Amino acid sequence: MSHTPGPWYAVNDDEQQVIDITPCLPDGDGELEKTIATVWGNRPSLKATVEGDARLIAAAPDLLGKLRRCLSLLEDLLPEPEVRKTEEPEAHALIAEIYQAIAQATGGEV
């Protein structure tokens, strides 16, 4: 998997009514070196939704890393997969869902 490493920041551009997601804070002139994504919200009624979307996107690298750590911890703490299926079905299902979520975020790489 290849993506721009985190952390990512949500930088508000009030003039254009957008929020840019970037791995670097703006330089002294307010310019961004790189933009990963832009969240548009050109209506005041969308402001809260746009800000929430931008925060979620900016948190993606950190969330992915923590999800991988949770997966590792769960697998270390719980019995082997064969036992988990019968004795810990909820944990087994959760681990499978975590694998799916990571694969979705990474294009298949866990």
N, C-alpha and C. Protein backbone atom coordinates (compact mmCIF):
# COMPACT_ATOMS: atom_id res chain seq x y z
N MET A 1 0.83 -1.17 0.00
CA MET A 1 0.00 0.00 0.00
C MET A 1 0.88 1.23 0.00
N SER A 2 0.45 2.18 -0.74
CA SER A 2 1.19 3.42 -0.78
C SER A 2 0.22 4.59 -0.56
N HIS A 3 0.52 5.38 0.42
CA HIS A 3 -0.23 6.62 0.64
C HIS A 3 0.71 7.62 1.32
N THR A 4 0.34 8.87 1.29
CA THR A 4 1.13 9.89 1.94
C THR A 4 1.09 9.65 3.44
N PRO A 5 2.25 9.51 4.07
CA PRO A 5 2.24 9.24 5.51
C PRO A 5 1.61 10.40 6.29
N GLY A 6 1.05 10.05 7.43
CA GLY A 6 0.45 11.06 8.29
C GLY A 6 1.51 11.70 9.16
N PRO A 7 1.19 12.65 9.95
CA PRO A 7 -0.17 13.11 10.15
C PRO A 7 -0.66 13.99 9.00
N TRP A 8 -1.97 14.05 8.85
CA TRP A 8 -2.60 14.94 7.89
C TRP A 8 -3.32 16.04 8.66
N TYR A 9 -3.46 17.18 8.03
CA TYR A 9 -4.11 18.33 8.66
C TYR A 9 -5.25 18.82 7.79
N ALA A 10 -6.30 19.31 8.42
CA ALA A 10 -7.40 19.96 7.72
C ALA A 10 -7.17 21.46 7.82
N VAL A 11 -6.94 22.09 6.68
CA VAL A 11 -6.62 23.52 6.64
C VAL A 11 -7.78 24.26 5.96
N ASN A 12 -8.39 25.15 6.71
CA ASN A 12 -9.56 25.89 6.23
C ASN A 12 -9.13 27.05 5.33
N ASP A 13 -9.74 27.15 4.16
CA ASP A 13 -9.51 28.28 3.25
C ASP A 13 -10.84 29.02 3.13
N ASP A 14 -11.04 29.99 4.02
CA ASP A 14 -12.31 30.69 4.07
C ASP A 14 -12.64 31.42 2.77
N GLU A 15 -11.61 31.92 2.07
CA GLU A 15 -11.86 32.66 0.84
C GLU A 15 -12.54 31.79 -0.21
N GLN A 16 -12.12 30.53 -0.31
CA GLN A 16 -12.69 29.64 -1.32
C GLN A 16 -13.77 28.73 -0.75
N GLN A 17 -14.05 28.83 0.53
CA GLN A 17 -15.04 28.01 1.22
C GLN A 17 -14.74 26.52 1.05
N VAL A 18 -13.46 26.17 1.23
CA VAL A 18 -13.05 24.77 1.15
C VAL A 18 -12.14 24.45 2.32
N ILE A 19 -11.97 23.16 2.56
CA ILE A 19 -10.99 22.70 3.53
C ILE A 19 -10.08 21.74 2.80
N ASP A 20 -8.78 22.03 2.80
CA ASP A 20 -7.79 21.18 2.17
C ASP A 20 -7.21 20.22 3.19
N ILE A 21 -6.99 18.98 2.78
CA ILE A 21 -6.34 17.99 3.61
C ILE A 21 -4.90 17.91 3.11
N THR A 22 -3.95 18.11 4.01
CA THR A 22 -2.55 18.22 3.61
C THR A 22 -1.64 17.56 4.64
N PRO A 23 -0.50 17.04 4.18
CA PRO A 23 0.46 16.47 5.14
C PRO A 23 1.34 17.52 5.79
N CYS A 24 1.25 18.75 5.31
CA CYS A 24 2.11 19.83 5.82
C CYS A 24 1.26 21.05 6.12
N LEU A 25 1.58 21.72 7.19
CA LEU A 25 0.89 22.97 7.47
C LEU A 25 1.34 24.03 6.47
N PRO A 26 0.52 25.06 6.24
CA PRO A 26 0.90 26.10 5.28
C PRO A 26 2.22 26.77 5.63
N ASP A 27 2.94 27.21 4.60
CA ASP A 27 4.19 27.94 4.82
C ASP A 27 3.87 29.37 5.24
N GLY A 28 4.89 30.19 5.35
CA GLY A 28 4.72 31.56 5.80
C GLY A 28 3.79 32.39 4.93
N ASP A 29 3.67 32.03 3.65
CA ASP A 29 2.78 32.75 2.73
C ASP A 29 1.38 32.15 2.70
N GLY A 30 1.15 31.14 3.52
CA GLY A 30 -0.16 30.50 3.54
C GLY A 30 -0.35 29.47 2.45
N GLU A 31 0.73 29.14 1.73
CA GLU A 31 0.65 28.17 0.64
C GLU A 31 0.84 26.76 1.16
N LEU A 32 0.17 25.83 0.52
CA LEU A 32 0.32 24.41 0.87
C LEU A 32 1.27 23.75 -0.10
N GLU A 33 2.18 22.93 0.43
CA GLU A 33 3.13 22.20 -0.41
C GLU A 33 2.42 21.12 -1.21
N LYS A 34 1.45 20.45 -0.58
CA LYS A 34 0.75 19.35 -1.21
C LYS A 34 -0.65 19.27 -0.64
N THR A 35 -1.61 19.00 -1.50
CA THR A 35 -2.98 18.79 -1.05
C THR A 35 -3.37 17.36 -1.38
N ILE A 36 -3.84 16.64 -0.39
CA ILE A 36 -4.28 15.25 -0.57
C ILE A 36 -5.72 15.22 -1.05
N ALA A 37 -6.55 16.06 -0.46
CA ALA A 37 -7.97 16.11 -0.81
C ALA A 37 -8.50 17.51 -0.50
N THR A 38 -9.57 17.86 -1.17
CA THR A 38 -10.24 19.12 -0.90
C THR A 38 -11.71 18.81 -0.63
N VAL A 39 -12.22 19.34 0.47
CA VAL A 39 -13.61 19.15 0.83
C VAL A 39 -14.31 20.48 0.57
N TRP A 40 -15.28 20.44 -0.33
CA TRP A 40 -15.98 21.65 -0.74
C TRP A 40 -17.26 21.82 0.07
N GLY A 41 -17.58 23.04 0.37
CA GLY A 41 -18.83 23.35 1.06
C GLY A 41 -19.19 24.78 0.82
N ASN A 42 -19.75 25.07 -0.35
CA ASN A 42 -19.97 26.46 -0.72
C ASN A 42 -21.31 27.01 -0.26
N ARG A 43 -21.97 26.30 0.68
CA ARG A 43 -23.20 26.82 1.27
C ARG A 43 -23.05 26.81 2.78
N PRO A 44 -23.46 27.87 3.44
CA PRO A 44 -23.35 27.91 4.90
C PRO A 44 -24.02 26.73 5.59
N SER A 45 -25.08 26.21 5.01
CA SER A 45 -25.80 25.10 5.64
C SER A 45 -24.97 23.81 5.66
N LEU A 46 -23.92 23.74 4.85
CA LEU A 46 -23.06 22.55 4.78
C LEU A 46 -21.82 22.66 5.66
N LYS A 47 -21.62 23.79 6.32
CA LYS A 47 -20.37 24.03 7.05
C LYS A 47 -20.04 22.92 8.05
N ALA A 48 -20.97 22.53 8.88
CA ALA A 48 -20.70 21.52 9.90
C ALA A 48 -20.37 20.17 9.26
N THR A 49 -21.07 19.81 8.20
CA THR A 49 -20.82 18.54 7.52
C THR A 49 -19.45 18.56 6.85
N VAL A 50 -19.12 19.64 6.20
CA VAL A 50 -17.83 19.75 5.53
C VAL A 50 -16.69 19.69 6.54
N GLU A 51 -16.83 20.37 7.66
CA GLU A 51 -15.79 20.33 8.70
C GLU A 51 -15.65 18.93 9.27
N GLY A 52 -16.76 18.24 9.48
CA GLY A 52 -16.71 16.87 9.98
C GLY A 52 -16.05 15.93 8.98
N ASP A 53 -16.40 16.07 7.70
CA ASP A 53 -15.79 15.24 6.66
C ASP A 53 -14.28 15.48 6.60
N ALA A 54 -13.89 16.74 6.68
CA ALA A 54 -12.45 17.07 6.61
C ALA A 54 -11.70 16.50 7.81
N ARG A 55 -12.28 16.59 9.00
CA ARG A 55 -11.63 16.02 10.19
C ARG A 55 -11.46 14.51 10.05
N LEU A 56 -12.49 13.84 9.53
CA LEU A 56 -12.42 12.39 9.36
C LEU A 56 -11.35 12.00 8.34
N ILE A 57 -11.29 12.70 7.23
CA ILE A 57 -10.26 12.41 6.22
C ILE A 57 -8.87 12.66 6.80
N ALA A 58 -8.70 13.78 7.49
CA ALA A 58 -7.39 14.12 8.05
C ALA A 58 -6.94 13.09 9.09
N ALA A 59 -7.88 12.46 9.77
CA ALA A 59 -7.55 11.47 10.80
C ALA A 59 -7.25 10.09 10.22
N ALA A 60 -7.47 9.88 8.92
CA ALA A 60 -7.36 8.55 8.31
C ALA A 60 -6.04 7.83 8.59
N PRO A 61 -4.87 8.43 8.40
CA PRO A 61 -3.64 7.68 8.67
C PRO A 61 -3.52 7.23 10.12
N ASP A 62 -3.91 8.09 11.05
CA ASP A 62 -3.84 7.75 12.46
C ASP A 62 -4.84 6.64 12.80
N LEU A 63 -6.05 6.72 12.25
CA LEU A 63 -7.06 5.69 12.48
C LEU A 63 -6.60 4.34 11.94
N LEU A 64 -6.01 4.34 10.77
CA LEU A 64 -5.52 3.09 10.18
C LEU A 64 -4.44 2.47 11.05
N GLY A 65 -3.52 3.27 11.52
CA GLY A 65 -2.45 2.77 12.39
C GLY A 65 -2.99 2.19 13.69
N LYS A 66 -3.94 2.87 14.28
CA LYS A 66 -4.51 2.39 15.54
C LYS A 66 -5.36 1.14 15.32
N LEU A 67 -6.04 1.04 14.18
CA LEU A 67 -6.81 -0.15 13.88
C LEU A 67 -5.89 -1.36 13.71
N ARG A 68 -4.75 -1.16 13.08
CA ARG A 68 -3.77 -2.24 12.96
C ARG A 68 -3.25 -2.68 14.33
N ARG A 69 -3.01 -1.71 15.21
CA ARG A 69 -2.54 -2.04 16.57
C ARG A 69 -3.61 -2.80 17.34
N CYS A 70 -4.87 -2.40 17.19
CA CYS A 70 -5.98 -3.11 17.85
C CYS A 70 -6.06 -4.54 17.35
N LEU A 71 -5.92 -4.73 16.05
CA LEU A 71 -5.98 -6.06 15.47
C LEU A 71 -4.88 -6.94 16.05
N SER A 72 -3.69 -6.41 16.10
CA SER A 72 -2.56 -7.16 16.64
C SER A 72 -2.79 -7.53 18.10
N LEU A 73 -3.27 -6.57 18.88
CA LEU A 73 -3.53 -6.82 20.29
C LEU A 73 -4.62 -7.87 20.48
N LEU A 74 -5.71 -7.76 19.72
CA LEU A 74 -6.78 -8.76 19.83
C LEU A 74 -6.28 -10.15 19.49
N GLU A 75 -5.50 -10.24 18.45
CA GLU A 75 -5.00 -11.56 18.04
C GLU A 75 -4.05 -12.13 19.08
N ASP A 76 -3.28 -11.27 19.74
CA ASP A 76 -2.37 -11.74 20.78
C ASP A 76 -3.11 -12.17 22.05
N LEU A 77 -4.20 -11.48 22.39
CA LEU A 77 -4.92 -11.74 23.62
C LEU A 77 -5.91 -12.90 23.53
N LEU A 78 -6.43 -13.14 22.34
CA LEU A 78 -7.47 -14.15 22.19
C LEU A 78 -6.90 -15.49 21.76
N PRO A 79 -7.67 -16.56 21.94
CA PRO A 79 -7.20 -17.88 21.53
C PRO A 79 -6.98 -17.95 20.02
N GLU A 80 -6.41 -19.03 19.59
CA GLU A 80 -6.14 -19.26 18.16
C GLU A 80 -7.44 -19.17 17.35
N PRO A 81 -7.34 -18.82 16.06
CA PRO A 81 -8.54 -18.63 15.24
C PRO A 81 -9.54 -19.79 15.28
N GLU A 82 -9.05 -21.01 15.30
CA GLU A 82 -9.96 -22.14 15.30
C GLU A 82 -10.81 -22.17 16.57
N VAL A 83 -10.18 -21.85 17.70
CA VAL A 83 -10.88 -21.81 19.00
C VAL A 83 -11.81 -20.61 19.05
N ARG A 84 -11.33 -19.48 18.52
CA ARG A 84 -12.09 -18.23 18.54
C ARG A 84 -13.45 -18.40 17.86
N LYS A 85 -13.47 -19.15 16.77
CA LYS A 85 -14.71 -19.33 16.01
C LYS A 85 -15.80 -19.95 16.88
N THR A 86 -15.43 -20.88 17.73
CA THR A 86 -16.43 -21.57 18.53
C THR A 86 -16.61 -20.99 19.92
N GLU A 87 -15.51 -20.60 20.58
CA GLU A 87 -15.60 -20.11 21.96
C GLU A 87 -15.76 -18.59 22.05
N GLU A 88 -15.29 -17.88 21.07
CA GLU A 88 -15.35 -16.41 21.07
C GLU A 88 -15.90 -15.92 19.73
N PRO A 89 -17.14 -16.29 19.37
CA PRO A 89 -17.63 -15.93 18.03
C PRO A 89 -17.71 -14.43 17.79
N GLU A 90 -18.04 -13.64 18.82
CA GLU A 90 -18.11 -12.19 18.64
C GLU A 90 -16.73 -11.61 18.37
N ALA A 91 -15.72 -12.11 19.08
CA ALA A 91 -14.35 -11.64 18.86
C ALA A 91 -13.88 -12.07 17.48
N HIS A 92 -14.21 -13.29 17.08
CA HIS A 92 -13.83 -13.77 15.76
C HIS A 92 -14.46 -12.88 14.68
N ALA A 93 -15.74 -12.56 14.85
CA ALA A 93 -16.43 -11.70 13.87
C ALA A 93 -15.80 -10.31 13.83
N LEU A 94 -15.47 -9.76 15.00
CA LEU A 94 -14.85 -8.44 15.06
C LEU A 94 -13.50 -8.43 14.35
N ILE A 95 -12.70 -9.43 14.58
CA ILE A 95 -11.39 -9.51 13.92
C ILE A 95 -11.57 -9.59 12.42
N ALA A 96 -12.53 -10.37 11.95
CA ALA A 96 -12.79 -10.46 10.51
C ALA A 96 -13.22 -9.10 9.96
N GLU A 97 -14.04 -8.36 10.69
CA GLU A 97 -14.47 -7.03 10.25
C GLU A 97 -13.30 -6.05 10.21
N ILE A 98 -12.40 -6.15 11.18
CA ILE A 98 -11.23 -5.28 11.19
C ILE A 98 -10.36 -5.57 9.97
N TYR A 99 -10.15 -6.84 9.67
CA TYR A 99 -9.39 -7.20 8.47
C TYR A 99 -10.04 -6.61 7.23
N GLN A 100 -11.36 -6.69 7.13
CA GLN A 100 -12.07 -6.14 5.97
C GLN A 100 -11.90 -4.62 5.88
N ALA A 101 -12.00 -3.95 7.01
CA ALA A 101 -11.88 -2.49 7.02
C ALA A 101 -10.47 -2.06 6.60
N ILE A 102 -9.46 -2.75 7.10
CA ILE A 102 -8.08 -2.41 6.70
C ILE A 102 -7.86 -2.69 5.23
N ALA A 103 -8.38 -3.82 4.75
CA ALA A 103 -8.23 -4.15 3.32
C ALA A 103 -8.94 -3.10 2.46
N GLN A 104 -10.10 -2.62 2.90
CA GLN A 104 -10.81 -1.60 2.14
C GLN A 104 -10.00 -0.30 2.08
N ALA A 105 -9.38 0.05 3.20
CA ALA A 105 -8.61 1.30 3.26
C ALA A 105 -7.30 1.21 2.49
N THR A 106 -6.76 0.01 2.35
CA THR A 106 -5.42 -0.14 1.77
C THR A 106 -5.42 -0.78 0.39
N GLY A 107 -6.58 -1.13 -0.11
CA GLY A 107 -6.62 -1.81 -1.41
C GLY A 107 -6.25 -3.28 -1.31
N GLY A 108 -6.42 -3.85 -0.14
CA GLY A 108 -6.18 -5.28 0.04
C GLY A 108 -5.06 -5.64 0.98
N GLU A 109 -4.17 -4.72 1.27
CA GLU A 109 -3.03 -5.02 2.16
C GLU A 109 -3.44 -4.84 3.61
N VAL A 110 -3.14 -5.83 4.42
CA VAL A 110 -3.45 -5.73 5.86
C VAL A 110 -2.16 -5.58 6.58
